[in-house]
Amino acid sequence: MNSLYVAIGGALGSVARYQMDGWVQAKFGAQFPYGTLAVNVVGSFLLALLMFVALHTEAISPSMRLALSTGVIGGFTTYSTFNYETLRLAQNGAWALVALNLVGTLAGCLIAGALGWIFAGFLLDLRQG
């Protein structure tokens, strides 16, 4: 049954990624992979928030945690697209954009993950207080 939950979650996450990527590209253009950067940063925030809540409360069952983390957020975020887009920038000799994408993804995702973790802790403190 867990495989079904992951499959359904993955489908939902993939559609959400497609929609967000299209929206971000329409807003900011396609000269830089803004959409992929955005989904990976947002996904890092959401995964950290989800895991903090799941590991510090009983609000999220193990099956739901699996469906949301591996399924939805796993389908939403994308390392392979980040890799391809960075290589494409390198092939075009856009070294400043390569560096920006590498640093933006690494720093952005780490910062977003930390903020998600902090935000979840803050929410739980409010709930308990």
C-alpha atoms as a PDB file:
ATOM      1  CA  MET A   1       0.000   0.000   0.000  1.00  0.00           C
ATOM      2  CA  ASN A   2       2.876   2.404   0.715  1.00  0.00           C
ATOM      3  CA  SER A   3       4.003   2.094  -2.908  1.00  0.00           C
ATOM      4  CA  LEU A   4       0.586   3.291  -4.025  1.00  0.00           C
ATOM      5  CA  TYR A   5       0.758   6.283  -1.681  1.00  0.00           C
ATOM      6  CA  VAL A   6       4.211   7.171  -3.023  1.00  0.00           C
ATOM      7  CA  ALA A   7       3.017   6.778  -6.626  1.00  0.00           C
ATOM      8  CA  ILE A   8      -0.005   9.027  -6.111  1.00  0.00           C
ATOM      9  CA  GLY A   9       2.086  11.572  -4.215  1.00  0.00           C
ATOM     10  CA  GLY A  10       4.770  11.486  -6.906  1.00  0.00           C
ATOM     11  CA  ALA A  11       2.193  12.174  -9.597  1.00  0.00           C
ATOM     12  CA  LEU A  12       0.835  15.145  -7.648  1.00  0.00           C
ATOM     13  CA  GLY A  13       4.335  16.489  -6.990  1.00  0.00           C
ATOM     14  CA  SER A  14       5.355  16.143 -10.640  1.00  0.00           C
ATOM     15  CA  VAL A  15       2.290  18.055 -11.817  1.00  0.00           C
ATOM     16  CA  ALA A  16       2.955  20.746  -9.200  1.00  0.00           C
ATOM     17  CA  ARG A  17       6.578  21.010 -10.412  1.00  0.00           C
ATOM     18  CA  TYR A  18       5.449  21.337 -14.028  1.00  0.00           C
ATOM     19  CA  GLN A  19       2.942  24.053 -13.126  1.00  0.00           C
ATOM     20  CA  MET A  20       5.315  26.031 -10.905  1.00  0.00           C
ATOM     21  CA  ASP A  21       8.183  25.780 -13.399  1.00  0.00           C
ATOM     22  CA  GLY A  22       5.942  27.079 -16.177  1.00  0.00           C
ATOM     23  CA  TRP A  23       4.659  29.936 -14.046  1.00  0.00           C
ATOM     24  CA  VAL A  24       8.147  30.982 -12.887  1.00  0.00           C
ATOM     25  CA  GLN A  25       9.583  30.775 -16.424  1.00  0.00           C
ATOM     26  CA  ALA A  26       6.709  32.881 -17.777  1.00  0.00           C
ATOM     27  CA  LYS A  27       7.366  35.458 -15.075  1.00  0.00           C
ATOM     28  CA  PHE A  28      11.188  35.578 -15.197  1.00  0.00           C
ATOM     29  CA  GLY A  29      12.150  34.143 -18.587  1.00  0.00           C
ATOM     30  CA  ALA A  30      14.010  31.061 -19.758  1.00  0.00           C
ATOM     31  CA  GLN A  31      17.571  32.422 -19.952  1.00  0.00           C
ATOM     32  CA  PHE A  32      18.243  30.966 -16.487  1.00  0.00           C
ATOM     33  CA  PRO A  33      16.588  27.891 -14.882  1.00  0.00           C
ATOM     34  CA  TYR A  34      14.594  29.955 -12.380  1.00  0.00           C
ATOM     35  CA  GLY A  35      11.773  27.403 -12.287  1.00  0.00           C
ATOM     36  CA  THR A  36      13.992  24.490 -11.294  1.00  0.00           C
ATOM     37  CA  LEU A  37      15.758  26.623  -8.699  1.00  0.00           C
ATOM     38  CA  ALA A  38      12.397  27.704  -7.267  1.00  0.00           C
ATOM     39  CA  VAL A  39      10.955  24.186  -7.007  1.00  0.00           C
ATOM     40  CA  ASN A  40      14.123  22.854  -5.370  1.00  0.00           C
ATOM     41  CA  VAL A  41      14.252  25.695  -2.814  1.00  0.00           C
ATOM     42  CA  VAL A  42      10.530  25.438  -2.029  1.00  0.00           C
ATOM     43  CA  GLY A  43      10.797  21.642  -1.861  1.00  0.00           C
ATOM     44  CA  SER A  44      13.723  21.884   0.568  1.00  0.00           C
ATOM     45  CA  PHE A  45      11.696  24.173   2.818  1.00  0.00           C
ATOM     46  CA  LEU A  46       8.637  21.910   2.692  1.00  0.00           C
ATOM     47  CA  LEU A  47      10.589  18.698   3.310  1.00  0.00           C
ATOM     48  CA  ALA A  48      12.336  20.158   6.350  1.00  0.00           C
ATOM     49  CA  LEU A  49       9.039  21.466   7.731  1.00  0.00           C
ATOM     50  CA  LEU A  50       7.282  18.157   7.097  1.00  0.00           C
ATOM     51  CA  MET A  51      10.019  16.042   8.650  1.00  0.00           C
ATOM     52  CA  PHE A  52      10.323  18.251  11.718  1.00  0.00           C
ATOM     53  CA  VAL A  53       6.584  17.972  12.374  1.00  0.00           C
ATOM     54  CA  ALA A  54       6.527  14.258  11.572  1.00  0.00           C
ATOM     55  CA  LEU A  55       9.467  13.452  13.833  1.00  0.00           C
ATOM     56  CA  HIS A  56       8.420  15.666  16.757  1.00  0.00           C
ATOM     57  CA  THR A  57       4.685  14.949  16.857  1.00  0.00           C
ATOM     58  CA  GLU A  58       2.252  12.201  16.030  1.00  0.00           C
ATOM     59  CA  ALA A  59       0.304  14.520  13.690  1.00  0.00           C
ATOM     60  CA  ILE A  60       1.569  12.759  10.556  1.00  0.00           C
ATOM     61  CA  SER A  61       1.385   8.980  10.292  1.00  0.00           C
ATOM     62  CA  PRO A  62       4.378   7.078   8.868  1.00  0.00           C
ATOM     63  CA  SER A  63       2.396   6.254   5.711  1.00  0.00           C
ATOM     64  CA  MET A  64       1.390   9.887   5.208  1.00  0.00           C
ATOM     65  CA  ARG A  65       4.973  11.013   5.862  1.00  0.00           C
ATOM     66  CA  LEU A  66       6.178   8.597   3.181  1.00  0.00           C
ATOM     67  CA  ALA A  67       3.516   9.733   0.698  1.00  0.00           C
ATOM     68  CA  LEU A  68       4.292  13.399   1.296  1.00  0.00           C
ATOM     69  CA  SER A  69       8.098  13.220   1.521  1.00  0.00           C
ATOM     70  CA  THR A  70       9.093  10.545  -0.986  1.00  0.00           C
ATOM     71  CA  GLY A  71       5.958  10.954  -3.094  1.00  0.00           C
ATOM     72  CA  VAL A  72       4.846  14.581  -3.326  1.00  0.00           C
ATOM     73  CA  ILE A  73       8.076  16.382  -2.469  1.00  0.00           C
ATOM     74  CA  GLY A  74      10.228  13.786  -4.235  1.00  0.00           C
ATOM     75  CA  GLY A  75       8.121  14.266  -7.365  1.00  0.00           C
ATOM     76  CA  PHE A  76       8.173  18.045  -6.939  1.00  0.00           C
ATOM     77  CA  THR A  77      11.929  18.552  -6.596  1.00  0.00           C
ATOM     78  CA  THR A  78      14.374  17.546  -9.290  1.00  0.00           C
ATOM     79  CA  TYR A  79      18.100  17.005  -9.226  1.00  0.00           C
ATOM     80  CA  SER A  80      18.241  15.576 -12.736  1.00  0.00           C
ATOM     81  CA  THR A  81      16.760  18.714 -14.288  1.00  0.00           C
ATOM     82  CA  PHE A  82      19.124  20.890 -12.250  1.00  0.00           C
ATOM     83  CA  ASN A  83      22.022  18.776 -13.549  1.00  0.00           C
ATOM     84  CA  TYR A  84      20.900  18.973 -17.180  1.00  0.00           C
ATOM     85  CA  GLU A  85      20.251  22.717 -17.091  1.00  0.00           C
ATOM     86  CA  THR A  86      23.614  23.405 -15.465  1.00  0.00           C
ATOM     87  CA  LEU A  87      25.399  21.291 -18.082  1.00  0.00           C
ATOM     88  CA  ARG A  88      23.493  23.088 -20.843  1.00  0.00           C
ATOM     89  CA  LEU A  89      24.639  26.457 -19.481  1.00  0.00           C
ATOM     90  CA  ALA A  90      28.224  25.153 -19.388  1.00  0.00           C
ATOM     91  CA  GLN A  91      28.008  23.926 -22.988  1.00  0.00           C
ATOM     92  CA  ASN A  92      26.910  27.419 -23.987  1.00  0.00           C
ATOM     93  CA  GLY A  93      29.881  28.925 -22.148  1.00  0.00           C
ATOM     94  CA  ALA A  94      27.657  30.785 -19.667  1.00  0.00           C
ATOM     95  CA  TRP A  95      30.064  30.249 -16.781  1.00  0.00           C
ATOM     96  CA  ALA A  96      28.657  33.030 -14.604  1.00  0.00           C
ATOM     97  CA  LEU A  97      25.190  31.457 -14.880  1.00  0.00           C
ATOM     98  CA  VAL A  98      26.671  28.022 -14.120  1.00  0.00           C
ATOM     99  CA  ALA A  99      28.202  29.426 -10.936  1.00  0.00           C
ATOM    100  CA  LEU A 100      24.990  31.260 -10.055  1.00  0.00           C
ATOM    101  CA  ASN A 101      22.934  28.095 -10.514  1.00  0.00           C
ATOM    102  CA  LEU A 102      25.326  25.977  -8.448  1.00  0.00           C
ATOM    103  CA  VAL A 103      25.625  28.460  -5.594  1.00  0.00           C
ATOM    104  CA  GLY A 104      21.954  29.471  -5.751  1.00  0.00           C
ATOM    105  CA  THR A 105      20.770  25.879  -5.593  1.00  0.00           C
ATOM    106  CA  LEU A 106      23.153  24.748  -2.868  1.00  0.00           C
ATOM    107  CA  ALA A 107      22.828  27.815  -0.658  1.00  0.00           C
ATOM    108  CA  GLY A 108      19.157  28.381  -1.422  1.00  0.00           C
ATOM    109  CA  CYS A 109      18.157  24.806  -0.624  1.00  0.00           C
ATOM    110  CA  LEU A 110      20.226  24.657   2.563  1.00  0.00           C
ATOM    111  CA  ILE A 111      18.852  27.987   3.789  1.00  0.00           C
ATOM    112  CA  ALA A 112      15.291  27.023   2.845  1.00  0.00           C
ATOM    113  CA  GLY A 113      15.679  23.691   4.653  1.00  0.00           C
ATOM    114  CA  ALA A 114      16.952  25.429   7.780  1.00  0.00           C
ATOM    115  CA  LEU A 115      14.094  27.947   7.633  1.00  0.00           C
ATOM    116  CA  GLY A 116      11.564  25.131   7.204  1.00  0.00           C
ATOM    117  CA  TRP A 117      12.987  23.351  10.239  1.00  0.00           C
ATOM    118  CA  ILE A 118      12.926  26.572  12.306  1.00  0.00           C
ATOM    119  CA  PHE A 119       9.430  27.500  11.125  1.00  0.00           C
ATOM    120  CA  ALA A 120       8.067  24.060  12.013  1.00  0.00           C
ATOM    121  CA  GLY A 121       9.604  24.316  15.493  1.00  0.00           C
ATOM    122  CA  PHE A 122       8.026  27.746  15.918  1.00  0.00           C
ATOM    123  CA  LEU A 123       4.622  26.400  14.840  1.00  0.00           C
ATOM    124  CA  LEU A 124       4.845  23.495  17.249  1.00  0.00           C
ATOM    125  CA  ASP A 125       5.832  25.815  20.093  1.00  0.00           C
ATOM    126  CA  LEU A 126       2.774  27.996  19.364  1.00  0.00           C
ATOM    127  CA  ARG A 127       0.558  24.922  19.259  1.00  0.00           C
ATOM    128  CA  GLN A 128       1.871  23.645  22.602  1.00  0.00           C
ATOM    129  CA  GLY A 129       1.878  27.047  24.311  1.00  0.00           C
END
